[in-house]
């Protein structure tokens, strides 16, 4: 037996769902694990008691690239705990016992990582690109796990994404304790520094470059840690259908693609982010029914349109490299999902009243205007300082000034009334 790196998945129930990286399958009674694992990567194995609607559990682990000639190939042993319905790590005694008896299950009990050379080349290339920014510190921070066992499930979540039930604590509202995820603290409602007022707040709300730089400086070892978490979240959505990871994936994209100035200071981050997103979208159909709504009129489409508009206002070789990568992404979306990537014109929905009184719901194309922004992209409301409020208050005058103002107001109201009468007469003439 020529041993290779392997992972054992023991005590799985009959006809359970199993998977590793981008491959999923239904287990048999003889299945004991997977062999011939590529070295130098982070791998992710996941299981569920059934292949339908049960909660999925998974574990990240790492296979070192360089091994000493005298060192045996890595063997990781994970067990299914039927009481907790979770993958747990076997103790050292059990690991030694299974290593000593590995020959008994090597041929019949362990399935190869890939069945053919062509499948292996494609799958290995995609998996490597989908996870190349994921590191051990990122996995340890997010999952709280230790070396070679960073685990979570479909129900793992952050506090901000947990559903709170009235009258129950967070622990009481869960069927069993789940891993609490520790994501990067991205707050899209406040993207300016403490103490900022006025124009600074408005600019930081429209261009979130300061917020991105703040997250990188305070919570990351390098700028690529942002992409590492983006990659982690996507894989967890693809394999575990984890809701909290989906929400964080959208938050990271919303932060990145509402930055403008940061494309000059972190061009490599944006180039890599766009290429990563392109590959992720190509794998969205791996899940039956698709992972996301990939029609153009969604959050992602709006983010990419606004991102391009921001880039078109900048100059420089770094920005051009980002634009080239964005062109490739948009071409992929056009070829795969039929996107047209319209820019400049936006639909303004409303009721149109016809001459005969009939009211029709219509979409009227209008040129982009910040006043049409809604939701998290709405214009920022800022608090004015006492000095600013004082400048906006009308100065008080004498009584004569008040009388003059009243007279002027009366004349303006009379003019407005005359103009309204003229408009009504004109409308009557056009109808009859």
Protein backbone atom coordinates (compact mmCIF):
# COMPACT_ATOMS: atom_id res chain seq x y z
CA UNK A 1 0.00 0.00 0.00
CA UNK A 2 1.40 3.37 -1.09
CA UNK A 3 -0.18 5.65 1.52
CA UNK A 4 -1.21 9.21 0.70
CA UNK A 5 -2.79 12.01 2.77
CA UNK A 6 -6.30 10.96 3.83
CA UNK A 7 -9.21 11.95 6.05
CA UNK A 8 -11.42 9.37 7.79
CA UNK A 9 -15.11 10.12 8.32
CA UNK A 10 -16.25 7.46 10.75
CA UNK A 11 -19.62 6.32 12.08
CA UNK A 12 -21.72 8.17 9.49
CA UNK A 13 -25.36 6.98 9.36
CA UNK A 14 -26.50 4.96 6.32
CA UNK A 15 -27.18 7.01 3.16
CA UNK A 16 -25.79 10.16 4.75
CA UNK A 17 -24.70 13.11 2.69
CA UNK A 18 -20.96 13.62 2.48
CA UNK A 19 -18.71 16.01 0.64
CA UNK A 20 -15.27 17.49 0.31
CA UNK A 21 -14.47 20.85 -1.26
CA UNK A 22 -16.61 21.14 -4.44
CA UNK A 23 -17.73 17.49 -4.48
CA UNK A 24 -20.76 16.02 -2.68
CA UNK A 25 -22.05 12.43 -2.62
CA UNK A 26 -24.23 9.92 -0.75
CA UNK A 27 -22.28 7.55 1.47
CA UNK A 28 -22.52 3.77 1.60
CA UNK A 29 -22.02 1.35 4.48
CA UNK A 30 -18.42 0.69 3.34
CA UNK A 31 -17.43 4.35 3.11
CA UNK A 32 -14.78 5.32 5.66
CA UNK A 33 -13.17 8.42 4.16
CA UNK A 34 -11.22 10.00 1.31
CA UNK A 35 -7.62 9.39 0.23
CA UNK A 36 -5.13 10.96 -2.23
CA UNK A 37 -5.73 14.47 -0.90
CA UNK A 38 -3.68 17.24 -2.57
CA UNK A 39 -1.09 18.80 -0.29
CA UNK A 40 -0.58 22.47 0.49
CA UNK A 41 -4.28 23.33 0.61
CA UNK A 42 -7.04 23.99 3.06
CA UNK A 43 -9.74 21.35 2.54
CA UNK A 44 -13.33 21.33 3.76
CA UNK A 45 -15.27 18.14 4.52
CA UNK A 46 -18.97 18.28 5.35
CA UNK A 47 -21.70 15.80 6.24
CA UNK A 48 -25.37 15.60 7.17
CA UNK A 49 -27.46 12.76 8.54
CA UNK A 50 -29.62 12.84 5.39
CA UNK A 51 -29.25 14.35 1.93
CA UNK A 52 -32.43 16.43 2.24
CA UNK A 53 -33.15 19.19 4.78
CA UNK A 54 -30.99 18.24 7.76
CA UNK A 55 -28.41 20.61 9.24
CA UNK A 56 -25.00 20.22 7.65
CA UNK A 57 -21.77 20.12 9.64
CA UNK A 58 -18.28 20.65 8.30
CA UNK A 59 -14.62 20.94 9.24
CA UNK A 60 -11.72 22.79 7.63
CA UNK A 61 -8.27 21.19 7.81
CA UNK A 62 -4.86 21.70 6.20
CA UNK A 63 -2.52 19.25 4.45
CA UNK A 64 1.11 20.50 4.64
CA UNK A 65 2.94 20.72 1.32
CA UNK A 66 6.37 19.61 2.50
CA UNK A 67 6.80 16.34 4.39
CA UNK A 68 10.03 14.70 5.54
CA UNK A 69 10.82 11.38 3.80
CA UNK A 70 10.61 9.54 7.11
CA UNK A 71 7.34 11.23 8.09
CA UNK A 72 4.12 9.25 7.40
CA UNK A 73 1.43 10.94 5.26
CA UNK A 74 -1.09 13.00 7.24
CA UNK A 75 -4.14 11.10 8.47
CA UNK A 76 -7.01 13.09 9.93
CA UNK A 77 -9.72 11.20 11.81
CA UNK A 78 -13.17 12.77 12.24
CA UNK A 79 -16.12 11.01 13.84
CA UNK A 80 -19.86 11.51 13.58
CA UNK A 81 -21.40 12.09 17.01
CA UNK A 82 -25.01 10.80 16.77
CA UNK A 83 -26.07 12.57 19.96
CA UNK A 84 -24.93 16.02 18.82
CA UNK A 85 -25.24 15.19 15.09
CA UNK A 86 -21.86 16.79 14.55
CA UNK A 87 -18.39 15.99 13.27
CA UNK A 88 -15.89 15.78 16.14
CA UNK A 89 -12.18 15.09 16.26
CA UNK A 90 -11.02 11.65 17.39
CA UNK A 91 -8.63 11.42 20.32
CA UNK A 92 -4.95 10.55 19.90
CA UNK A 93 -5.39 6.91 20.94
CA UNK A 94 -8.05 6.33 18.29
CA UNK A 95 -5.94 8.06 15.64
CA UNK A 96 -3.00 5.73 16.36
CA UNK A 97 -5.27 2.67 16.21
CA UNK A 98 -6.72 3.64 12.83
CA UNK A 99 -3.29 4.44 11.40
CA UNK A 100 -2.06 0.99 12.44
CA UNK A 101 -5.03 -0.67 10.74
CA UNK A 102 -5.24 1.64 7.71
CA UNK A 103 -4.37 -1.16 5.25
CA UNK A 104 -7.63 -2.98 6.05
CA UNK A 105 -9.78 -0.16 4.66
CA UNK A 106 -7.42 1.49 2.16
CA UNK A 107 -8.69 -0.20 -1.00
CA UNK A 108 -12.39 -0.71 -0.28
CA UNK A 109 -13.23 1.85 2.39
CA UNK A 110 -11.51 5.00 1.11
CA UNK A 111 -12.54 6.73 -2.08
CA UNK A 112 -10.00 8.71 -4.16
CA UNK A 113 -10.25 12.49 -4.03
CA UNK A 114 -10.76 12.51 -7.80
CA UNK A 115 -11.67 9.68 -10.18
CA UNK A 116 -10.03 10.97 -13.38
CA UNK A 117 -7.09 13.18 -14.33
CA UNK A 118 -9.25 15.69 -16.24
CA UNK A 119 -11.68 16.12 -13.34
CA UNK A 120 -8.77 16.49 -10.93
CA UNK A 121 -7.07 19.21 -12.99
CA UNK A 122 -10.25 21.32 -13.31
CA UNK A 123 -11.45 20.83 -9.75
CA UNK A 124 -8.03 21.41 -8.22
CA UNK A 125 -7.52 24.62 -10.18
CA UNK A 126 -10.90 26.08 -9.22
CA UNK A 127 -10.67 25.07 -5.56
CA UNK A 128 -7.18 26.55 -5.28
CA UNK A 129 -8.38 29.88 -6.70
CA UNK A 130 -11.53 29.90 -4.56
CA UNK A 131 -9.54 29.47 -1.33
CA UNK A 132 -6.08 30.94 -1.99
CA UNK A 133 -6.60 33.86 0.43
CA UNK A 134 -7.92 31.71 3.31
CA UNK A 135 -5.38 31.33 6.12
CA UNK A 136 -5.19 29.54 9.46
CA UNK A 137 -5.54 32.82 11.45
CA UNK A 138 -8.72 33.66 9.51
CA UNK A 139 -10.23 30.23 10.21
CA UNK A 140 -9.23 30.43 13.88
CA UNK A 141 -10.76 33.89 14.29
CA UNK A 142 -14.01 33.13 12.48
CA UNK A 143 -14.72 29.66 13.90
CA UNK A 144 -12.76 29.72 17.15
CA UNK A 145 -11.27 26.33 16.25
CA UNK A 146 -7.76 24.94 16.62
CA UNK A 147 -5.17 23.53 14.21
CA UNK A 148 -6.59 20.96 11.78
CA UNK A 149 -10.14 21.30 13.14
CA UNK A 150 -12.01 24.48 12.36
CA UNK A 151 -15.65 23.42 12.51
CA UNK A 152 -19.07 25.00 11.96
CA UNK A 153 -22.55 24.09 10.74
CA UNK A 154 -25.45 25.45 8.71
CA UNK A 155 -26.80 27.04 11.89
CA UNK A 156 -23.58 28.75 12.98
CA UNK A 157 -24.07 32.50 13.11
CA UNK A 158 -22.95 35.86 14.39
CA UNK A 159 -24.95 37.68 17.04
CA UNK A 160 -26.05 40.34 14.56
CA UNK A 161 -27.64 37.70 12.31
CA UNK A 162 -29.27 35.55 14.98
CA UNK A 163 -33.06 35.51 15.09
CA UNK A 164 -34.18 36.67 18.52
CA UNK A 165 -37.34 35.12 19.96
CA UNK A 166 -39.32 37.30 22.41
CA UNK A 167 -39.05 36.07 25.98
CA UNK A 168 -36.11 33.71 25.28
CA UNK A 169 -32.40 34.19 25.56
CA UNK A 170 -30.16 33.45 22.57
CA UNK A 171 -29.15 30.13 24.17
CA UNK A 172 -32.76 29.12 24.89
CA UNK A 173 -33.91 29.92 21.36
CA UNK A 174 -31.45 27.43 19.82
CA UNK A 175 -32.00 23.67 19.64
CA UNK A 176 -28.40 23.19 20.72
CA UNK A 177 -25.40 25.51 21.11
CA UNK A 178 -23.84 26.34 17.74
CA UNK A 179 -20.51 27.86 16.80
CA UNK A 180 -20.63 31.65 17.07
CA UNK A 181 -18.84 33.15 14.10
CA UNK A 182 -16.51 36.11 14.54
CA UNK A 183 -16.58 38.07 11.29
CA UNK A 184 -14.90 41.36 10.40
CA UNK A 185 -17.00 44.17 11.94
CA UNK A 186 -18.45 45.77 8.79
CA UNK A 187 -21.04 48.44 9.57
CA UNK A 188 -22.47 49.88 6.38
CA UNK A 189 -24.61 52.37 8.31
CA UNK A 190 -21.60 54.24 9.69
CA UNK A 191 -18.68 54.44 7.29
CA UNK A 192 -17.00 57.58 8.69
CA UNK A 193 -14.67 58.20 11.59
CA UNK A 194 -15.85 59.10 15.06
CA UNK A 195 -16.40 62.82 15.38
CA UNK A 196 -16.89 63.44 11.64
CA UNK A 197 -19.56 65.99 10.75
CA UNK A 198 -21.03 67.67 7.70
CA UNK A 199 -19.36 67.16 4.36
CA UNK A 200 -16.94 64.54 5.71
CA UNK A 201 -19.82 62.29 6.71
CA UNK A 202 -21.56 62.75 3.39
CA UNK A 203 -18.44 61.95 1.39
CA UNK A 204 -17.68 58.89 3.54
CA UNK A 205 -21.23 57.62 3.02
CA UNK A 206 -20.90 57.95 -0.76
CA UNK A 207 -17.31 56.60 -0.95
CA UNK A 208 -16.61 53.98 1.72
CA UNK A 209 -12.85 53.92 1.22
CA UNK A 210 -12.21 55.19 4.76
CA UNK A 211 -14.31 52.37 6.23
CA UNK A 212 -12.44 49.75 4.19
CA UNK A 213 -9.07 51.14 5.29
CA UNK A 214 -10.22 51.19 8.92
CA UNK A 215 -11.24 47.50 8.80
CA UNK A 216 -7.91 46.51 7.22
CA UNK A 217 -5.85 48.54 9.70
CA UNK A 218 -7.61 47.42 12.87
CA UNK A 219 -8.71 43.84 12.18
CA UNK A 220 -6.53 42.34 9.40
CA UNK A 221 -2.96 41.17 9.11
CA UNK A 222 -3.03 42.21 5.44
CA UNK A 223 -5.51 43.64 2.95
CA UNK A 224 -6.04 40.15 1.49
CA UNK A 225 -7.66 39.01 4.74
CA UNK A 226 -10.81 40.77 3.52
CA UNK A 227 -10.81 38.48 0.49
CA UNK A 228 -10.00 35.48 2.66
CA UNK A 229 -13.20 36.07 4.59
CA UNK A 230 -15.12 36.67 1.36
CA UNK A 231 -13.89 33.31 0.04
CA UNK A 232 -14.68 31.56 3.33
CA UNK A 233 -18.23 32.91 3.35
CA UNK A 234 -18.92 31.86 -0.23
CA UNK A 235 -17.71 28.28 0.34
CA UNK A 236 -19.89 28.05 3.46
CA UNK A 237 -22.92 29.21 1.48
CA UNK A 238 -22.14 26.76 -1.34
CA UNK A 239 -21.60 23.72 0.92
CA UNK A 240 -23.57 24.39 4.11
CA UNK A 241 -26.21 26.92 3.00
CA UNK A 242 -25.15 29.05 5.97
CA UNK A 243 -27.33 32.19 6.21
CA UNK A 244 -24.97 34.29 8.30
CA UNK A 245 -22.12 33.65 5.85
CA UNK A 246 -24.39 34.78 3.02
CA UNK A 247 -25.12 38.04 4.84
CA UNK A 248 -21.41 38.67 5.50
CA UNK A 249 -20.57 37.87 1.86
CA UNK A 250 -23.04 40.57 0.79
CA UNK A 251 -21.69 43.02 3.38
CA UNK A 252 -18.11 42.59 2.14
CA UNK A 253 -19.15 43.07 -1.49
CA UNK A 254 -21.22 46.12 -0.52
CA UNK A 255 -18.18 47.61 1.19
CA UNK A 256 -15.70 46.87 -1.60
CA UNK A 257 -17.86 47.98 -4.51
CA UNK A 258 -18.89 51.27 -2.93
CA UNK A 259 -15.26 52.39 -2.65
CA UNK A 260 -13.68 54.75 -5.15
CA UNK A 261 -10.47 56.29 -3.79
CA UNK A 262 -9.36 52.93 -2.36
CA UNK A 263 -8.92 51.56 -5.88
CA UNK A 264 -5.86 53.82 -6.16
CA UNK A 265 -4.41 52.81 -2.79
CA UNK A 266 -5.34 49.09 -2.87
CA UNK A 267 -5.50 48.17 -6.59
CA UNK A 268 -4.36 44.56 -6.07
CA UNK A 269 -7.14 44.02 -3.55
CA UNK A 270 -9.81 45.08 -6.05
CA UNK A 271 -8.29 43.19 -8.98
CA UNK A 272 -8.22 40.01 -6.91
CA UNK A 273 -11.71 40.66 -5.50
CA UNK A 274 -13.22 41.00 -8.98
CA UNK A 275 -11.48 37.88 -10.34
CA UNK A 276 -12.58 35.94 -7.23
CA UNK A 277 -16.17 37.11 -7.65
CA UNK A 278 -16.14 36.06 -11.31
CA UNK A 279 -15.12 32.50 -10.38
CA UNK A 280 -17.63 32.39 -7.51
CA UNK A 281 -20.48 33.37 -9.82
CA UNK A 282 -19.47 30.64 -12.23
CA UNK A 283 -19.96 28.11 -9.41
CA UNK A 284 -23.32 29.47 -8.24
CA UNK A 285 -25.12 26.88 -10.37
CA UNK A 286 -23.31 24.01 -8.64
CA UNK A 287 -26.12 24.08 -6.10
CA UNK A 288 -29.46 22.79 -7.36
CA UNK A 289 -31.63 25.80 -8.16
CA UNK A 290 -28.68 28.20 -7.87
CA UNK A 291 -27.37 30.01 -4.81
CA UNK A 292 -28.50 33.57 -5.56
CA UNK A 293 -30.84 35.56 -7.72
CA UNK A 294 -28.44 36.49 -10.50
CA UNK A 295 -30.75 38.68 -12.52
CA UNK A 296 -29.30 42.07 -13.30
CA UNK A 297 -31.73 44.15 -11.20
CA UNK A 298 -30.40 42.92 -7.85
CA UNK A 299 -27.96 44.18 -5.23
CA UNK A 300 -24.97 42.83 -7.15
CA UNK A 301 -26.01 44.48 -10.41
CA UNK A 302 -26.54 47.84 -8.69
CA UNK A 303 -23.17 47.59 -6.92
CA UNK A 304 -21.28 46.86 -10.13
CA UNK A 305 -22.98 49.70 -12.04
CA UNK A 306 -22.17 52.24 -9.35
CA UNK A 307 -18.65 50.88 -9.00
CA UNK A 308 -17.98 51.41 -12.72
CA UNK A 309 -19.40 54.93 -12.55
CA UNK A 310 -17.00 55.73 -9.73
CA UNK A 311 -14.01 54.27 -11.59
CA UNK A 312 -14.78 56.30 -14.70
CA UNK A 313 -14.14 59.47 -12.70
CA UNK A 314 -10.58 58.38 -11.79
CA UNK A 315 -7.32 58.26 -13.68
CA UNK A 316 -4.17 56.14 -13.37
CA UNK A 317 -2.65 52.84 -14.44
CA UNK A 318 -3.84 51.11 -11.26
CA UNK A 319 -7.44 52.14 -11.89
CA UNK A 320 -7.18 50.97 -15.51
CA UNK A 321 -6.06 47.52 -14.34
CA UNK A 322 -9.13 47.36 -12.09
CA UNK A 323 -11.33 48.48 -15.02
CA UNK A 324 -9.87 45.72 -17.24
CA UNK A 325 -10.73 43.10 -14.61
CA UNK A 326 -14.22 44.58 -14.27
CA UNK A 327 -14.66 44.31 -18.06
CA UNK A 328 -13.90 40.57 -17.84
CA UNK A 329 -16.44 40.13 -15.03
CA UNK A 330 -19.15 41.99 -16.93
CA UNK A 331 -18.48 39.93 -20.06
CA UNK A 332 -18.83 36.76 -17.98
CA UNK A 333 -22.16 37.98 -16.57
CA UNK A 334 -23.33 38.86 -20.06
CA UNK A 335 -22.37 35.49 -21.54
CA UNK A 336 -23.58 33.36 -18.62
CA UNK A 337 -26.61 35.21 -17.27
CA UNK A 338 -27.58 37.60 -20.08
CA UNK A 339 -26.74 40.82 -18.26
CA UNK A 340 -26.67 44.00 -20.34
CA UNK A 341 -24.82 46.15 -17.77
CA UNK A 342 -26.78 49.30 -18.57
CA UNK A 343 -25.30 52.49 -17.19
CA UNK A 344 -26.52 56.04 -16.94
CA UNK A 345 -30.27 55.38 -17.06
CA UNK A 346 -32.36 54.05 -14.18
CA UNK A 347 -36.02 53.14 -13.95
CA UNK A 348 -38.23 55.40 -11.91
CA UNK A 349 -41.50 53.63 -11.08
CA UNK A 350 -44.67 55.60 -10.48
CA UNK A 351 -48.32 56.24 -11.40
CA UNK A 352 -49.05 58.17 -14.59
CA UNK A 353 -52.48 59.76 -14.98
CA UNK A 354 -53.75 59.91 -18.56
CA UNK A 355 -55.96 62.66 -20.00
CA UNK A 356 -59.15 60.58 -19.57
CA UNK A 357 -58.38 60.08 -15.86
CA UNK A 358 -57.06 56.52 -16.14
CA UNK A 359 -54.03 55.79 -13.89
CA UNK A 360 -51.27 53.53 -15.20
CA UNK A 361 -48.28 52.06 -13.29
CA UNK A 362 -45.16 52.75 -15.41
CA UNK A 363 -41.37 52.60 -15.36
CA UNK A 364 -39.95 55.84 -16.71
CA UNK A 365 -36.21 55.87 -17.54
CA UNK A 366 -34.44 58.79 -15.93
CA UNK A 367 -30.81 59.75 -15.76
CA UNK A 368 -29.09 58.73 -12.54
CA UNK A 369 -29.53 61.21 -9.73
CA UNK A 370 -28.46 60.75 -6.10
CA UNK A 371 -31.99 61.70 -5.03
CA UNK A 372 -33.19 58.36 -6.42
CA UNK A 373 -30.97 56.44 -4.04
CA UNK A 374 -32.77 54.33 -1.47
CA UNK A 375 -31.97 52.02 1.43
CA UNK A 376 -28.35 51.82 2.48
CA UNK A 377 -27.35 54.09 -0.42
CA UNK A 378 -29.64 56.92 0.67
CA UNK A 379 -28.09 60.38 1.15
CA UNK A 380 -26.66 60.78 4.64
CA UNK A 381 -28.48 62.88 7.24
CA UNK A 382 -25.90 64.75 9.28
CA UNK A 383 -26.09 66.62 12.58
CA UNK A 384 -25.25 70.32 12.29
CA UNK A 385 -23.06 72.01 14.85
CA UNK A 386 -24.48 74.96 16.87
CA UNK A 387 -22.48 77.37 14.71
CA UNK A 388 -23.93 75.88 11.52
CA UNK A 389 -27.47 76.05 12.90
CA UNK A 390 -26.95 79.70 13.83
CA UNK A 391 -25.87 80.50 10.28
CA UNK A 392 -29.05 78.93 8.87
CA UNK A 393 -31.48 80.81 11.17
CA UNK A 394 -33.01 84.01 9.59
CA UNK A 395 -31.90 87.21 11.24
CA UNK A 396 -34.58 89.18 13.09
CA UNK A 397 -35.46 92.68 11.89
CA UNK A 398 -37.70 95.64 12.80
CA UNK A 399 -41.43 95.73 12.67
CA UNK A 400 -41.31 97.50 9.30
CA UNK A 401 -39.25 94.64 8.00
CA UNK A 402 -41.90 92.19 9.19
CA UNK A 403 -44.62 94.19 7.48
CA UNK A 404 -42.60 94.29 4.28
CA UNK A 405 -42.11 90.55 4.46
CA UNK A 406 -45.81 89.97 5.05
CA UNK A 407 -46.73 92.20 2.11
CA UNK A 408 -44.20 90.44 -0.12
CA UNK A 409 -45.53 87.03 0.94
CA UNK A 410 -49.10 88.10 0.21
CA UNK A 411 -48.15 89.25 -3.27
CA UNK A 412 -46.28 86.00 -3.94
CA UNK A 413 -49.29 83.94 -2.84
CA UNK A 414 -51.52 85.98 -5.17
CA UNK A 415 -49.12 85.37 -8.09
CA UNK A 416 -49.04 81.64 -7.33
CA UNK A 417 -52.83 81.52 -7.24
CA UNK A 418 -53.06 83.30 -10.62
CA UNK A 419 -50.56 80.91 -12.16
CA UNK A 420 -52.48 77.90 -10.83
CA UNK A 421 -55.72 79.27 -12.35
CA UNK A 422 -53.98 79.72 -15.71
CA UNK A 423 -52.70 76.14 -15.62
CA UNK A 424 -56.17 74.77 -14.87
CA UNK A 425 -57.65 76.74 -17.81
CA UNK A 426 -54.92 75.45 -20.10
CA UNK A 427 -55.60 71.87 -19.06
CA UNK A 428 -59.35 72.31 -19.68
CA UNK A 429 -58.61 73.71 -23.16
CA UNK A 430 -56.39 70.74 -24.00
CA UNK A 431 -59.06 68.26 -22.91
CA UNK A 432 -62.02 69.84 -24.72
